[in-house]
PDB file of N, CA and C in Angstrom:
ATOM      1  N   UNK A   1      91.836 148.302 112.637  1.00  0.00           N
ATOM      2  CA  UNK A   1      90.517 147.705 112.617  1.00  0.00           C
ATOM      3  C   UNK A   1      90.580 146.250 112.162  1.00  0.00           C
ATOM      4  N   UNK A   2      91.426 145.978 111.130  1.00  0.00           N
ATOM      5  CA  UNK A   2      91.560 144.609 110.643  1.00  0.00           C
ATOM      6  C   UNK A   2      92.150 143.700 111.711  1.00  0.00           C
ATOM      7  N   UNK A   3      93.141 144.196 112.435  1.00  0.00           N
ATOM      8  CA  UNK A   3      93.766 143.357 113.465  1.00  0.00           C
ATOM      9  C   UNK A   3      92.786 143.088 114.606  1.00  0.00           C
ATOM     10  N   UNK A   4      91.928 144.042 114.917  1.00  0.00           N
ATOM     11  CA  UNK A   4      90.915 143.828 115.949  1.00  0.00           C
ATOM     12  C   UNK A   4      89.920 142.757 115.500  1.00  0.00           C
ATOM     13  N   UNK A   5      89.530 142.794 114.229  1.00  0.00           N
ATOM     14  CA  UNK A   5      88.624 141.780 113.683  1.00  0.00           C
ATOM     15  C   UNK A   5      89.277 140.397 113.709  1.00  0.00           C
ATOM     16  N   UNK A   6      90.554 140.309 113.324  1.00  0.00           N
ATOM     17  CA  UNK A   6      91.275 139.032 113.347  1.00  0.00           C
ATOM     18  C   UNK A   6      91.356 138.484 114.769  1.00  0.00           C
ATOM     19  N   UNK A   7      91.677 139.342 115.717  1.00  0.00           N
ATOM     20  CA  UNK A   7      91.776 138.921 117.116  1.00  0.00           C
ATOM     21  C   UNK A   7      90.430 138.420 117.625  1.00  0.00           C
ATOM     22  N   UNK A   8      89.369 139.131 117.301  1.00  0.00           N
ATOM     23  CA  UNK A   8      88.028 138.726 117.714  1.00  0.00           C
ATOM     24  C   UNK A   8      87.651 137.384 117.083  1.00  0.00           C
ATOM     25  N   UNK A   9      87.975 137.195 115.802  1.00  0.00           N
ATOM     26  CA  UNK A   9      87.673 135.935 115.107  1.00  0.00           C
ATOM     27  C   UNK A   9      88.423 134.767 115.732  1.00  0.00           C
ATOM     28  N   UNK A  10      89.685 134.958 116.043  1.00  0.00           N
ATOM     29  CA  UNK A  10      90.483 133.898 116.671  1.00  0.00           C
ATOM     30  C   UNK A  10      89.929 133.555 118.044  1.00  0.00           C
ATOM     31  N   UNK A  11      89.518 134.550 118.802  1.00  0.00           N
ATOM     32  CA  UNK A  11      88.947 134.319 120.129  1.00  0.00           C
ATOM     33  C   UNK A  11      87.657 133.511 120.041  1.00  0.00           C
ATOM     34  N   UNK A  12      86.779 133.850 119.115  1.00  0.00           N
ATOM     35  CA  UNK A  12      85.521 133.114 118.930  1.00  0.00           C
ATOM     36  C   UNK A  12      85.811 131.669 118.529  1.00  0.00           C
ATOM     37  N   UNK A  13      86.737 131.469 117.605  1.00  0.00           N
ATOM     38  CA  UNK A  13      87.100 130.122 117.160  1.00  0.00           C
ATOM     39  C   UNK A  13      87.677 129.307 118.316  1.00  0.00           C
ATOM     40  N   UNK A  14      88.552 129.900 119.097  1.00  0.00           N
ATOM     41  CA  UNK A  14      89.159 129.190 120.229  1.00  0.00           C
ATOM     42  C   UNK A  14      88.112 128.802 121.265  1.00  0.00           C
ATOM     43  N   UNK A  15      87.178 129.685 121.542  1.00  0.00           N
ATOM     44  CA  UNK A  15      86.120 129.358 122.502  1.00  0.00           C
ATOM     45  C   UNK A  15      85.223 128.251 121.979  1.00  0.00           C
ATOM     46  N   UNK A  16      84.944 128.261 120.688  1.00  0.00           N
ATOM     47  CA  UNK A  16      84.125 127.208 120.094  1.00  0.00           C
ATOM     48  C   UNK A  16      84.790 125.851 120.192  1.00  0.00           C
ATOM     49  N   UNK A  17      86.081 125.793 119.935  1.00  0.00           N
ATOM     50  CA  UNK A  17      86.816 124.528 120.030  1.00  0.00           C
ATOM     51  C   UNK A  17      86.914 124.078 121.479  1.00  0.00           C
ATOM     52  N   UNK A  18      87.155 124.986 122.396  1.00  0.00           N
ATOM     53  CA  UNK A  18      87.302 124.623 123.805  1.00  0.00           C
ATOM     54  C   UNK A  18      86.001 124.103 124.399  1.00  0.00           C
ATOM     55  N   UNK A  19      84.859 124.573 123.905  1.00  0.00           N
ATOM     56  CA  UNK A  19      83.578 124.160 124.464  1.00  0.00           C
ATOM     57  C   UNK A  19      83.010 122.909 123.818  1.00  0.00           C
ATOM     58  N   UNK A  20      83.639 122.394 122.769  1.00  0.00           N
ATOM     59  CA  UNK A  20      83.138 121.196 122.101  1.00  0.00           C
ATOM     60  C   UNK A  20      83.355 119.984 123.003  1.00  0.00           C
ATOM     61  N   UNK A  21      82.347 119.136 123.076  1.00  0.00           N
ATOM     62  CA  UNK A  21      82.410 117.966 123.944  1.00  0.00           C
ATOM     63  C   UNK A  21      82.619 116.702 123.133  1.00  0.00           C
ATOM     64  N   UNK A  22      83.315 115.725 123.726  1.00  0.00           N
ATOM     65  CA  UNK A  22      83.383 114.416 123.073  1.00  0.00           C
ATOM     66  C   UNK A  22      82.004 113.769 123.077  1.00  0.00           C
ATOM     67  N   UNK A  23      81.777 112.822 122.182  1.00  0.00           N
ATOM     68  CA  UNK A  23      80.467 112.180 122.152  1.00  0.00           C
ATOM     69  C   UNK A  23      80.430 111.011 123.120  1.00  0.00           C
ATOM     70  N   UNK A  24      79.241 110.725 123.592  1.00  0.00           N
ATOM     71  CA  UNK A  24      78.988 109.566 124.441  1.00  0.00           C
ATOM     72  C   UNK A  24      77.519 109.210 124.257  1.00  0.00           C
ATOM     73  N   UNK A  25      77.278 108.127 123.520  1.00  0.00           N
ATOM     74  CA  UNK A  25      75.908 107.699 123.242  1.00  0.00           C
ATOM     75  C   UNK A  25      75.763 106.246 123.667  1.00  0.00           C
ATOM     76  N   UNK A  26      74.724 105.960 124.439  1.00  0.00           N
ATOM     77  CA  UNK A  26      74.481 104.599 124.925  1.00  0.00           C
ATOM     78  C   UNK A  26      73.130 104.095 124.446  1.00  0.00           C
ATOM     79  N   UNK A  27      73.089 102.798 124.121  1.00  0.00           N
ATOM     80  CA  UNK A  27      71.859 102.159 123.658  1.00  0.00           C
ATOM     81  C   UNK A  27      71.803 100.761 124.246  1.00  0.00           C
ATOM     82  N   UNK A  28      70.610 100.337 124.652  1.00  0.00           N
ATOM     83  CA  UNK A  28      70.391  98.952 125.069  1.00  0.00           C
ATOM     84  C   UNK A  28      69.660  98.245 123.941  1.00  0.00           C
ATOM     85  N   UNK A  29      70.184  97.096 123.533  1.00  0.00           N
ATOM     86  CA  UNK A  29      69.605  96.361 122.410  1.00  0.00           C
ATOM     87  C   UNK A  29      69.689  94.869 122.701  1.00  0.00           C
ATOM     88  N   UNK A  30      68.526  94.214 122.792  1.00  0.00           N
ATOM     89  CA  UNK A  30      68.440  92.761 122.980  1.00  0.00           C
ATOM     90  C   UNK A  30      69.263  92.260 124.170  1.00  0.00           C
ATOM     91  N   UNK A  31      69.259  92.988 125.270  1.00  0.00           N
ATOM     92  CA  UNK A  31      69.989  92.580 126.467  1.00  0.00           C
ATOM     93  C   UNK A  31      71.433  93.041 126.514  1.00  0.00           C
ATOM     94  N   UNK A  32      71.910  93.668 125.455  1.00  0.00           N
ATOM     95  CA  UNK A  32      73.279  94.180 125.404  1.00  0.00           C
ATOM     96  C   UNK A  32      73.249  95.692 125.575  1.00  0.00           C
ATOM     97  N   UNK A  33      74.224  96.213 126.298  1.00  0.00           N
ATOM     98  CA  UNK A  33      74.400  97.656 126.420  1.00  0.00           C
ATOM     99  C   UNK A  33      75.586  98.040 125.546  1.00  0.00           C
ATOM    100  N   UNK A  34      75.363  98.964 124.635  1.00  0.00           N
ATOM    101  CA  UNK A  34      76.393  99.387 123.694  1.00  0.00           C
ATOM    102  C   UNK A  34      76.625 100.877 123.897  1.00  0.00           C
ATOM    103  N   UNK A  35      77.893 101.251 124.082  1.00  0.00           N
ATOM    104  CA  UNK A  35      78.235 102.653 124.309  1.00  0.00           C
ATOM    105  C   UNK A  35      79.256 103.098 123.263  1.00  0.00           C
ATOM    106  N   UNK A  36      78.921 104.162 122.532  1.00  0.00           N
ATOM    107  CA  UNK A  36      79.799 104.754 121.524  1.00  0.00           C
ATOM    108  C   UNK A  36      80.380 106.032 122.114  1.00  0.00           C
ATOM    109  N   UNK A  37      81.715 106.121 122.171  1.00  0.00           N
ATOM    110  CA  UNK A  37      82.365 107.286 122.770  1.00  0.00           C
ATOM    111  C   UNK A  37      83.536 107.757 121.912  1.00  0.00           C
ATOM    112  N   UNK A  38      83.957 108.978 122.183  1.00  0.00           N
ATOM    113  CA  UNK A  38      85.185 109.513 121.588  1.00  0.00           C
ATOM    114  C   UNK A  38      85.973 110.190 122.700  1.00  0.00           C
ATOM    115  N   UNK A  39      87.290 110.238 122.541  1.00  0.00           N
ATOM    116  CA  UNK A  39      88.119 110.910 123.542  1.00  0.00           C
ATOM    117  C   UNK A  39      88.061 112.420 123.371  1.00  0.00           C
ATOM    118  N   UNK A  40      87.952 112.868 122.118  1.00  0.00           N
ATOM    119  CA  UNK A  40      87.902 114.298 121.817  1.00  0.00           C
ATOM    120  C   UNK A  40      86.616 114.600 121.066  1.00  0.00           C
ATOM    121  N   UNK A  41      86.314 115.865 120.917  1.00  0.00           N
ATOM    122  CA  UNK A  41      85.147 116.229 120.115  1.00  0.00           C
ATOM    123  C   UNK A  41      85.421 115.859 118.659  1.00  0.00           C
ATOM    124  N   UNK A  42      84.375 115.492 117.949  1.00  0.00           N
ATOM    125  CA  UNK A  42      84.522 115.085 116.556  1.00  0.00           C
ATOM    126  C   UNK A  42      84.792 116.298 115.677  1.00  0.00           C
ATOM    127  N   UNK A  43      85.624 116.088 114.661  1.00  0.00           N
ATOM    128  CA  UNK A  43      85.981 117.169 113.746  1.00  0.00           C
ATOM    129  C   UNK A  43      86.149 116.593 112.348  1.00  0.00           C
ATOM    130  N   UNK A  44      86.222 117.465 111.352  1.00  0.00           N
ATOM    131  CA  UNK A  44      86.498 116.996 109.995  1.00  0.00           C
ATOM    132  C   UNK A  44      87.852 116.312 109.986  1.00  0.00           C
ATOM    133  N   UNK A  45      87.967 115.248 109.184  1.00  0.00           N
ATOM    134  CA  UNK A  45      89.221 114.509 109.119  1.00  0.00           C
ATOM    135  C   UNK A  45      89.165 113.257 109.979  1.00  0.00           C
ATOM    136  N   UNK A  46      90.321 112.804 110.434  1.00  0.00           N
ATOM    137  CA  UNK A  46      90.425 111.551 111.191  1.00  0.00           C
ATOM    138  C   UNK A  46      89.941 111.704 112.624  1.00  0.00           C
ATOM    139  N   UNK A  47      89.181 110.710 113.078  1.00  0.00           N
ATOM    140  CA  UNK A  47      88.660 110.667 114.444  1.00  0.00           C
ATOM    141  C   UNK A  47      88.754 109.234 114.950  1.00  0.00           C
ATOM    142  N   UNK A  48      88.913 109.078 116.257  1.00  0.00           N
ATOM    143  CA  UNK A  48      88.940 107.757 116.874  1.00  0.00           C
ATOM    144  C   UNK A  48      87.705 107.628 117.755  1.00  0.00           C
ATOM    145  N   UNK A  49      86.935 106.563 117.516  1.00  0.00           N
ATOM    146  CA  UNK A  49      85.746 106.264 118.310  1.00  0.00           C
ATOM    147  C   UNK A  49      85.938 104.909 118.973  1.00  0.00           C
ATOM    148  N   UNK A  50      85.254 104.716 120.094  1.00  0.00           N
ATOM    149  CA  UNK A  50      85.313 103.446 120.803  1.00  0.00           C
ATOM    150  C   UNK A  50      83.902 102.925 121.033  1.00  0.00           C
ATOM    151  N   UNK A  51      83.749 101.614 120.921  1.00  0.00           N
ATOM    152  CA  UNK A  51      82.483 100.945 121.203  1.00  0.00           C
ATOM    153  C   UNK A  51      82.738  99.974 122.341  1.00  0.00           C
ATOM    154  N   UNK A  52      81.940 100.080 123.390  1.00  0.00           N
ATOM    155  CA  UNK A  52      82.040  99.142 124.511  1.00  0.00           C
ATOM    156  C   UNK A  52      80.724  98.381 124.587  1.00  0.00           C
ATOM    157  N   UNK A  53      80.820  97.058 124.586  1.00  0.00           N
ATOM    158  CA  UNK A  53      79.644  96.195 124.608  1.00  0.00           C
ATOM    159  C   UNK A  53      79.638  95.432 125.925  1.00  0.00           C
ATOM    160  N   UNK A  54      78.511  95.498 126.645  1.00  0.00           N
ATOM    161  CA  UNK A  54      78.374  94.751 127.897  1.00  0.00           C
ATOM    162  C   UNK A  54      77.046  94.006 127.906  1.00  0.00           C
ATOM    163  N   UNK A  55      77.032  92.928 128.664  1.00  0.00           N
ATOM    164  CA  UNK A  55      75.799  92.174 128.888  1.00  0.00           C
ATOM    165  C   UNK A  55      75.818  91.731 130.338  1.00  0.00           C
ATOM    166  N   UNK A  56      74.757  92.044 131.065  1.00  0.00           N
ATOM    167  CA  UNK A  56      74.668  91.734 132.498  1.00  0.00           C
ATOM    168  C   UNK A  56      75.879  92.282 133.245  1.00  0.00           C
ATOM    169  N   UNK A  57      76.282  93.507 132.929  1.00  0.00           N
ATOM    170  CA  UNK A  57      77.417  94.212 133.540  1.00  0.00           C
ATOM    171  C   UNK A  57      78.759  93.525 133.318  1.00  0.00           C
ATOM    172  N   UNK A  58      78.853  92.632 132.346  1.00  0.00           N
ATOM    173  CA  UNK A  58      80.122  91.993 131.989  1.00  0.00           C
ATOM    174  C   UNK A  58      80.508  92.448 130.589  1.00  0.00           C
ATOM    175  N   UNK A  59      81.783  92.781 130.415  1.00  0.00           N
ATOM    176  CA  UNK A  59      82.270  93.255 129.122  1.00  0.00           C
ATOM    177  C   UNK A  59      82.298  92.106 128.121  1.00  0.00           C
ATOM    178  N   UNK A  60      81.807  92.372 126.922  1.00  0.00           N
ATOM    179  CA  UNK A  60      81.802  91.386 125.841  1.00  0.00           C
ATOM    180  C   UNK A  60      83.006  91.676 124.942  1.00  0.00           C
ATOM    181  N   UNK A  61      83.917  90.699 124.832  1.00  0.00           N
ATOM    182  CA  UNK A  61      85.115  90.898 124.008  1.00  0.00           C
ATOM    183  C   UNK A  61      85.198  89.923 122.832  1.00  0.00           C
ATOM    184  N   UNK A  62      84.185  89.082 122.668  1.00  0.00           N
ATOM    185  CA  UNK A  62      84.216  88.118 121.566  1.00  0.00           C
ATOM    186  C   UNK A  62      83.232  88.478 120.451  1.00  0.00           C
ATOM    187  N   UNK A  63      82.857  89.734 120.379  1.00  0.00           N
ATOM    188  CA  UNK A  63      81.935  90.194 119.335  1.00  0.00           C
ATOM    189  C   UNK A  63      82.731  90.811 118.184  1.00  0.00           C
ATOM    190  N   UNK A  64      82.050  91.066 117.090  1.00  0.00           N
ATOM    191  CA  UNK A  64      82.625  91.797 115.966  1.00  0.00           C
ATOM    192  C   UNK A  64      81.753  93.021 115.751  1.00  0.00           C
ATOM    193  N   UNK A  65      82.392  94.145 115.475  1.00  0.00           N
ATOM    194  CA  UNK A  65      81.632  95.382 115.286  1.00  0.00           C
ATOM    195  C   UNK A  65      82.120  96.106 114.043  1.00  0.00           C
ATOM    196  N   UNK A  66      81.189  96.755 113.365  1.00  0.00           N
ATOM    197  CA  UNK A  66      81.543  97.624 112.243  1.00  0.00           C
ATOM    198  C   UNK A  66      80.556  98.777 112.213  1.00  0.00           C
ATOM    199  N   UNK A  67      81.007  99.869 111.628  1.00  0.00           N
ATOM    200  CA  UNK A  67      80.170 101.066 111.601  1.00  0.00           C
ATOM    201  C   UNK A  67      80.190 101.670 110.204  1.00  0.00           C
ATOM    202  N   UNK A  68      79.069 102.265 109.845  1.00  0.00           N
ATOM    203  CA  UNK A  68      78.967 103.004 108.586  1.00  0.00           C
ATOM    204  C   UNK A  68      78.403 104.378 108.912  1.00  0.00           C
ATOM    205  N   UNK A  69      79.180 105.408 108.605  1.00  0.00           N
ATOM    206  CA  UNK A  69      78.707 106.783 108.710  1.00  0.00           C
ATOM    207  C   UNK A  69      78.328 107.241 107.316  1.00  0.00           C
ATOM    208  N   UNK A  70      77.210 107.951 107.211  1.00  0.00           N
ATOM    209  CA  UNK A  70      76.803 108.437 105.895  1.00  0.00           C
ATOM    210  C   UNK A  70      76.066 109.759 106.018  1.00  0.00           C
ATOM    211  N   UNK A  71      76.139 110.513 104.919  1.00  0.00           N
ATOM    212  CA  UNK A  71      75.419 111.776 104.811  1.00  0.00           C
ATOM    213  C   UNK A  71      74.601 111.685 103.528  1.00  0.00           C
ATOM    214  N   UNK A  72      73.276 111.790 103.634  1.00  0.00           N
ATOM    215  CA  UNK A  72      72.424 111.660 102.445  1.00  0.00           C
ATOM    216  C   UNK A  72      72.746 112.718 101.390  1.00  0.00           C
ATOM    217  N   UNK A  73      72.383 112.401 100.170  1.00  0.00           N
ATOM    218  CA  UNK A  73      72.568 113.330  99.057  1.00  0.00           C
ATOM    219  C   UNK A  73      71.688 114.554  99.270  1.00  0.00           C
ATOM    220  N   UNK A  74      72.252 115.711  98.973  1.00  0.00           N
ATOM    221  CA  UNK A  74      71.510 116.967  99.061  1.00  0.00           C
ATOM    222  C   UNK A  74      71.751 117.743  97.773  1.00  0.00           C
ATOM    223  N   UNK A  75      70.937 118.758  97.500  1.00  0.00           N
ATOM    224  CA  UNK A  75      71.153 119.536  96.273  1.00  0.00           C
ATOM    225  C   UNK A  75      72.583 120.075  96.196  1.00  0.00           C
ATOM    226  N   UNK A  76      73.259 119.761  95.117  1.00  0.00           N
ATOM    227  CA  UNK A  76      74.628 120.230  94.920  1.00  0.00           C
ATOM    228  C   UNK A  76      75.681 119.448  95.678  1.00  0.00           C
ATOM    229  N   UNK A  77      75.293 118.340  96.323  1.00  0.00           N
ATOM    230  CA  UNK A  77      76.249 117.567  97.113  1.00  0.00           C
ATOM    231  C   UNK A  77      75.935 116.076  96.976  1.00  0.00           C
ATOM    232  N   UNK A  78      76.924 115.248  96.663  1.00  0.00           N
ATOM    233  CA  UNK A  78      76.660 113.816  96.495  1.00  0.00           C
ATOM    234  C   UNK A  78      76.522 113.095  97.836  1.00  0.00           C
ATOM    235  N   UNK A  79      76.002 111.872  97.781  1.00  0.00           N
ATOM    236  CA  UNK A  79      75.939 110.980  98.937  1.00  0.00           C
ATOM    237  C   UNK A  79      77.372 110.679  99.386  1.00  0.00           C
ATOM    238  N   UNK A  80      77.603 110.674 100.697  1.00  0.00           N
ATOM    239  CA  UNK A  80      78.930 110.376 101.234  1.00  0.00           C
ATOM    240  C   UNK A  80      78.808 109.311 102.306  1.00  0.00           C
ATOM    241  N   UNK A  81      79.811 108.419 102.371  1.00  0.00           N
ATOM    242  CA  UNK A  81      79.821 107.427 103.438  1.00  0.00           C
ATOM    243  C   UNK A  81      81.240 107.009 103.762  1.00  0.00           C
ATOM    244  N   UNK A  82      81.382 106.465 104.975  1.00  0.00           N
ATOM    245  CA  UNK A  82      82.658 105.934 105.436  1.00  0.00           C
ATOM    246  C   UNK A  82      82.363 104.719 106.291  1.00  0.00           C
ATOM    247  N   UNK A  83      83.082 103.619 106.055  1.00  0.00           N
ATOM    248  CA  UNK A  83      82.887 102.395 106.826  1.00  0.00           C
ATOM    249  C   UNK A  83      84.198 101.968 107.462  1.00  0.00           C
ATOM    250  N   UNK A  84      84.102 101.309 108.632  1.00  0.00           N
ATOM    251  CA  UNK A  84      85.282 100.763 109.289  1.00  0.00           C
ATOM    252  C   UNK A  84      84.882  99.573 110.143  1.00  0.00           C
ATOM    253  N   UNK A  85      85.767  98.586 110.189  1.00  0.00           N
ATOM    254  CA  UNK A  85      85.588  97.439 111.079  1.00  0.00           C
ATOM    255  C   UNK A  85      86.370  97.724 112.348  1.00  0.00           C
ATOM    256  N   UNK A  86      85.762  97.430 113.482  1.00  0.00           N
ATOM    257  CA  UNK A  86      86.382  97.720 114.771  1.00  0.00           C
ATOM    258  C   UNK A  86      87.453  96.692 115.110  1.00  0.00           C
ATOM    259  N   UNK A  87      88.449  97.162 115.852  1.00  0.00           N
ATOM    260  CA  UNK A  87      89.515  96.299 116.344  1.00  0.00           C
ATOM    261  C   UNK A  87      89.464  96.309 117.866  1.00  0.00           C
ATOM    262  N   UNK A  88      89.535  95.138 118.483  1.00  0.00           N
ATOM    263  CA  UNK A  88      89.482  95.050 119.942  1.00  0.00           C
ATOM    264  C   UNK A  88      90.773  95.597 120.539  1.00  0.00           C
ATOM    265  N   UNK A  89      90.630  96.586 121.425  1.00  0.00           N
ATOM    266  CA  UNK A  89      91.758  97.175 122.138  1.00  0.00           C
ATOM    267  C   UNK A  89      91.374  97.184 123.613  1.00  0.00           C
ATOM    268  N   UNK A  90      91.959  96.289 124.398  1.00  0.00           N
ATOM    269  CA  UNK A  90      91.590  96.175 125.807  1.00  0.00           C
ATOM    270  C   UNK A  90      90.186  95.614 125.918  1.00  0.00           C
ATOM    271  N   UNK A  91      89.290  96.379 126.525  1.00  0.00           N
ATOM    272  CA  UNK A  91      87.899  95.927 126.666  1.00  0.00           C
ATOM    273  C   UNK A  91      86.936  96.715 125.777  1.00  0.00           C
ATOM    274  N   UNK A  92      87.496  97.477 124.799  1.00  0.00           N
ATOM    275  CA  UNK A  92      86.673  98.270 123.885  1.00  0.00           C
ATOM    276  C   UNK A  92      87.077  97.967 122.450  1.00  0.00           C
ATOM    277  N   UNK A  93      86.197  98.328 121.548  1.00  0.00           N
ATOM    278  CA  UNK A  93      86.464  98.189 120.126  1.00  0.00           C
ATOM    279  C   UNK A  93      86.792  99.564 119.564  1.00  0.00           C
ATOM    280  N   UNK A  94      87.919  99.667 118.861  1.00  0.00           N
ATOM    281  CA  UNK A  94      88.394 100.949 118.337  1.00  0.00           C
ATOM    282  C   UNK A  94      88.017 101.088 116.867  1.00  0.00           C
ATOM    283  N   UNK A  95      87.513 102.266 116.516  1.00  0.00           N
ATOM    284  CA  UNK A  95      87.141 102.590 115.139  1.00  0.00           C
ATOM    285  C   UNK A  95      87.897 103.838 114.698  1.00  0.00           C
ATOM    286  N   UNK A  96      88.480 103.797 113.520  1.00  0.00           N
ATOM    287  CA  UNK A  96      89.117 104.972 112.935  1.00  0.00           C
ATOM    288  C   UNK A  96      88.191 105.494 111.847  1.00  0.00           C
ATOM    289  N   UNK A  97      87.653 106.687 112.065  1.00  0.00           N
ATOM    290  CA  UNK A  97      86.635 107.242 111.171  1.00  0.00           C
ATOM    291  C   UNK A  97      87.144 108.551 110.575  1.00  0.00           C
ATOM    292  N   UNK A  98      86.880 108.745 109.285  1.00  0.00           N
ATOM    293  CA  UNK A  98      87.284 109.963 108.602  1.00  0.00           C
ATOM    294  C   UNK A  98      86.038 110.672 108.072  1.00  0.00           C
ATOM    295  N   UNK A  99      85.749 111.841 108.620  1.00  0.00           N
ATOM    296  CA  UNK A  99      84.620 112.650 108.159  1.00  0.00           C
ATOM    297  C   UNK A  99      85.129 113.642 107.119  1.00  0.00           C
ATOM    298  N   UNK A 100      84.565 113.601 105.921  1.00  0.00           N
ATOM    299  CA  UNK A 100      85.052 114.446 104.832  1.00  0.00           C
ATOM    300  C   UNK A 100      84.549 115.886 104.908  1.00  0.00           C
ATOM    301  N   UNK A 101      83.507 116.126 105.701  1.00  0.00           N
ATOM    302  CA  UNK A 101      82.997 117.494 105.839  1.00  0.00           C
ATOM    303  C   UNK A 101      82.166 117.622 107.112  1.00  0.00           C
ATOM    304  N   UNK A 102      81.910 118.834 107.538  1.00  0.00           N
ATOM    305  CA  UNK A 102      81.085 119.077 108.706  1.00  0.00           C
ATOM    306  C   UNK A 102      79.615 118.877 108.397  1.00  0.00           C
ATOM    307  N   UNK A 103      78.812 118.776 109.450  1.00  0.00           N
ATOM    308  CA  UNK A 103      77.376 118.589 109.285  1.00  0.00           C
ATOM    309  C   UNK A 103      76.895 117.415 110.117  1.00  0.00           C
ATOM    310  N   UNK A 104      75.685 116.967 109.850  1.00  0.00           N
ATOM    311  CA  UNK A 104      75.109 115.834 110.575  1.00  0.00           C
ATOM    312  C   UNK A 104      75.386 114.550 109.806  1.00  0.00           C
ATOM    313  N   UNK A 105      76.046 113.621 110.461  1.00  0.00           N
ATOM    314  CA  UNK A 105      76.343 112.306 109.898  1.00  0.00           C
ATOM    315  C   UNK A 105      75.499 111.274 110.626  1.00  0.00           C
ATOM    316  N   UNK A 106      74.794 110.453 109.881  1.00  0.00           N
ATOM    317  CA  UNK A 106      74.038 109.350 110.466  1.00  0.00           C
ATOM    318  C   UNK A 106      74.951 108.132 110.508  1.00  0.00           C
ATOM    319  N   UNK A 107      74.685 107.237 111.457  1.00  0.00           N
ATOM    320  CA  UNK A 107      75.494 106.019 111.500  1.00  0.00           C
ATOM    321  C   UNK A 107      74.638 104.790 111.727  1.00  0.00           C
ATOM    322  N   UNK A 108      75.176 103.661 111.275  1.00  0.00           N
ATOM    323  CA  UNK A 108      74.618 102.341 111.539  1.00  0.00           C
ATOM    324  C   UNK A 108      75.751 101.517 112.129  1.00  0.00           C
ATOM    325  N   UNK A 109      75.604 101.161 113.379  1.00  0.00           N
ATOM    326  CA  UNK A 109      76.585 100.334 114.072  1.00  0.00           C
ATOM    327  C   UNK A 109      76.029  98.926 114.145  1.00  0.00           C
ATOM    328  N   UNK A 110      76.803  97.956 113.667  1.00  0.00           N
ATOM    329  CA  UNK A 110      76.380  96.561 113.713  1.00  0.00           C
ATOM    330  C   UNK A 110      77.339  95.800 114.611  1.00  0.00           C
ATOM    331  N   UNK A 111      76.768  95.096 115.582  1.00  0.00           N
ATOM    332  CA  UNK A 111      77.556  94.280 116.506  1.00  0.00           C
ATOM    333  C   UNK A 111      77.088  92.842 116.357  1.00  0.00           C
ATOM    334  N   UNK A 112      78.012  91.966 115.972  1.00  0.00           N
ATOM    335  CA  UNK A 112      77.697  90.542 115.834  1.00  0.00           C
ATOM    336  C   UNK A 112      78.270  89.827 117.047  1.00  0.00           C
ATOM    337  N   UNK A 113      77.382  89.268 117.865  1.00  0.00           N
ATOM    338  CA  UNK A 113      77.800  88.598 119.094  1.00  0.00           C
ATOM    339  C   UNK A 113      78.135  87.135 118.823  1.00  0.00           C
ATOM    340  N   UNK A 114      78.706  86.475 119.818  1.00  0.00           N
ATOM    341  CA  UNK A 114      79.174  85.095 119.650  1.00  0.00           C
ATOM    342  C   UNK A 114      78.049  84.115 119.333  1.00  0.00           C
ATOM    343  N   UNK A 115      76.802  84.484 119.642  1.00  0.00           N
ATOM    344  CA  UNK A 115      75.672  83.605 119.314  1.00  0.00           C
ATOM    345  C   UNK A 115      75.232  83.755 117.855  1.00  0.00           C
ATOM    346  N   UNK A 116      75.942  84.595 117.087  1.00  0.00           N
ATOM    347  CA  UNK A 116      75.657  84.768 115.667  1.00  0.00           C
ATOM    348  C   UNK A 116      74.625  85.832 115.348  1.00  0.00           C
ATOM    349  N   UNK A 117      74.051  86.453 116.364  1.00  0.00           N
ATOM    350  CA  UNK A 117      73.037  87.489 116.130  1.00  0.00           C
ATOM    351  C   UNK A 117      73.702  88.831 115.841  1.00  0.00           C
ATOM    352  N   UNK A 118      73.095  89.563 114.914  1.00  0.00           N
ATOM    353  CA  UNK A 118      73.585  90.898 114.573  1.00  0.00           C
ATOM    354  C   UNK A 118      72.639  91.924 115.179  1.00  0.00           C
ATOM    355  N   UNK A 119      73.201  92.818 115.975  1.00  0.00           N
ATOM    356  CA  UNK A 119      72.427  93.868 116.642  1.00  0.00           C
ATOM    357  C   UNK A 119      72.740  95.183 115.930  1.00  0.00           C
ATOM    358  N   UNK A 120      71.710  95.822 115.366  1.00  0.00           N
ATOM    359  CA  UNK A 120      71.881  97.060 114.607  1.00  0.00           C
ATOM    360  C   UNK A 120      71.467  98.251 115.459  1.00  0.00           C
ATOM    361  N   UNK A 121      72.316  99.247 115.463  1.00  0.00           N
ATOM    362  CA  UNK A 121      72.060 100.466 116.227  1.00  0.00           C
ATOM    363  C   UNK A 121      72.222 101.639 115.271  1.00  0.00           C
ATOM    364  N   UNK A 122      71.278 102.551 115.321  1.00  0.00           N
ATOM    365  CA  UNK A 122      71.318 103.732 114.456  1.00  0.00           C
ATOM    366  C   UNK A 122      71.359 104.986 115.308  1.00  0.00           C
ATOM    367  N   UNK A 123      71.995 105.996 114.772  1.00  0.00           N
ATOM    368  CA  UNK A 123      72.074 107.270 115.468  1.00  0.00           C
ATOM    369  C   UNK A 123      72.684 108.312 114.551  1.00  0.00           C
ATOM    370  N   UNK A 124      73.046 109.445 115.138  1.00  0.00           N
ATOM    371  CA  UNK A 124      73.682 110.503 114.354  1.00  0.00           C
ATOM    372  C   UNK A 124      74.608 111.319 115.240  1.00  0.00           C
ATOM    373  N   UNK A 125      75.560 111.966 114.603  1.00  0.00           N
ATOM    374  CA  UNK A 125      76.490 112.860 115.289  1.00  0.00           C
ATOM    375  C   UNK A 125      76.587 114.147 114.473  1.00  0.00           C
ATOM    376  N   UNK A 126      76.884 115.237 115.149  1.00  0.00           N
ATOM    377  CA  UNK A 126      77.045 116.534 114.488  1.00  0.00           C
ATOM    378  C   UNK A 126      78.490 116.986 114.601  1.00  0.00           C
ATOM    379  N   UNK A 127      79.027 117.472 113.513  1.00  0.00           N
ATOM    380  CA  UNK A 127      80.383 118.029 113.525  1.00  0.00           C
ATOM    381  C   UNK A 127      80.284 119.532 113.520  1.00  0.00           C
TER     382      UNK A 127
END
C-alpha cells in the first residue's frame, strides 16, 4: 500500500512539473513594448528571466533595466525581496532571480531608456 501511494505521489508531481509553463508577459508603456519571459517554468531557487524592449518594432539595446521581486509581509512570515540589474545578452536583457519560497511574487521592472526616462512596469508571477 505504501509503495502504491509513493508511486501515485511521484506520478502527480511529475505531471505537475511537466504541465508548468514558462512565463511570458508583455506590456506597452510610453511607446515602448516590454516583454518579460523565461525559458522554463519558474521554481523556487535560481531562475533566468529575459526582458526584451522594442520601440516601433526595433529592438532597444541601449537601455538599462532592473527588477525587484517582493512578497509582502504576512502573519508568521517576514517581507521578502530580491533585486537584480539586467545584463544585455544579444538583443535581450538577462536577469538572474532567486525565489526563496513558492507563492505569488510581485515585481517592479524599471527600464531606463537613452532619453533618460524611467519606465516602471508592475506585475506578478506565481510559483
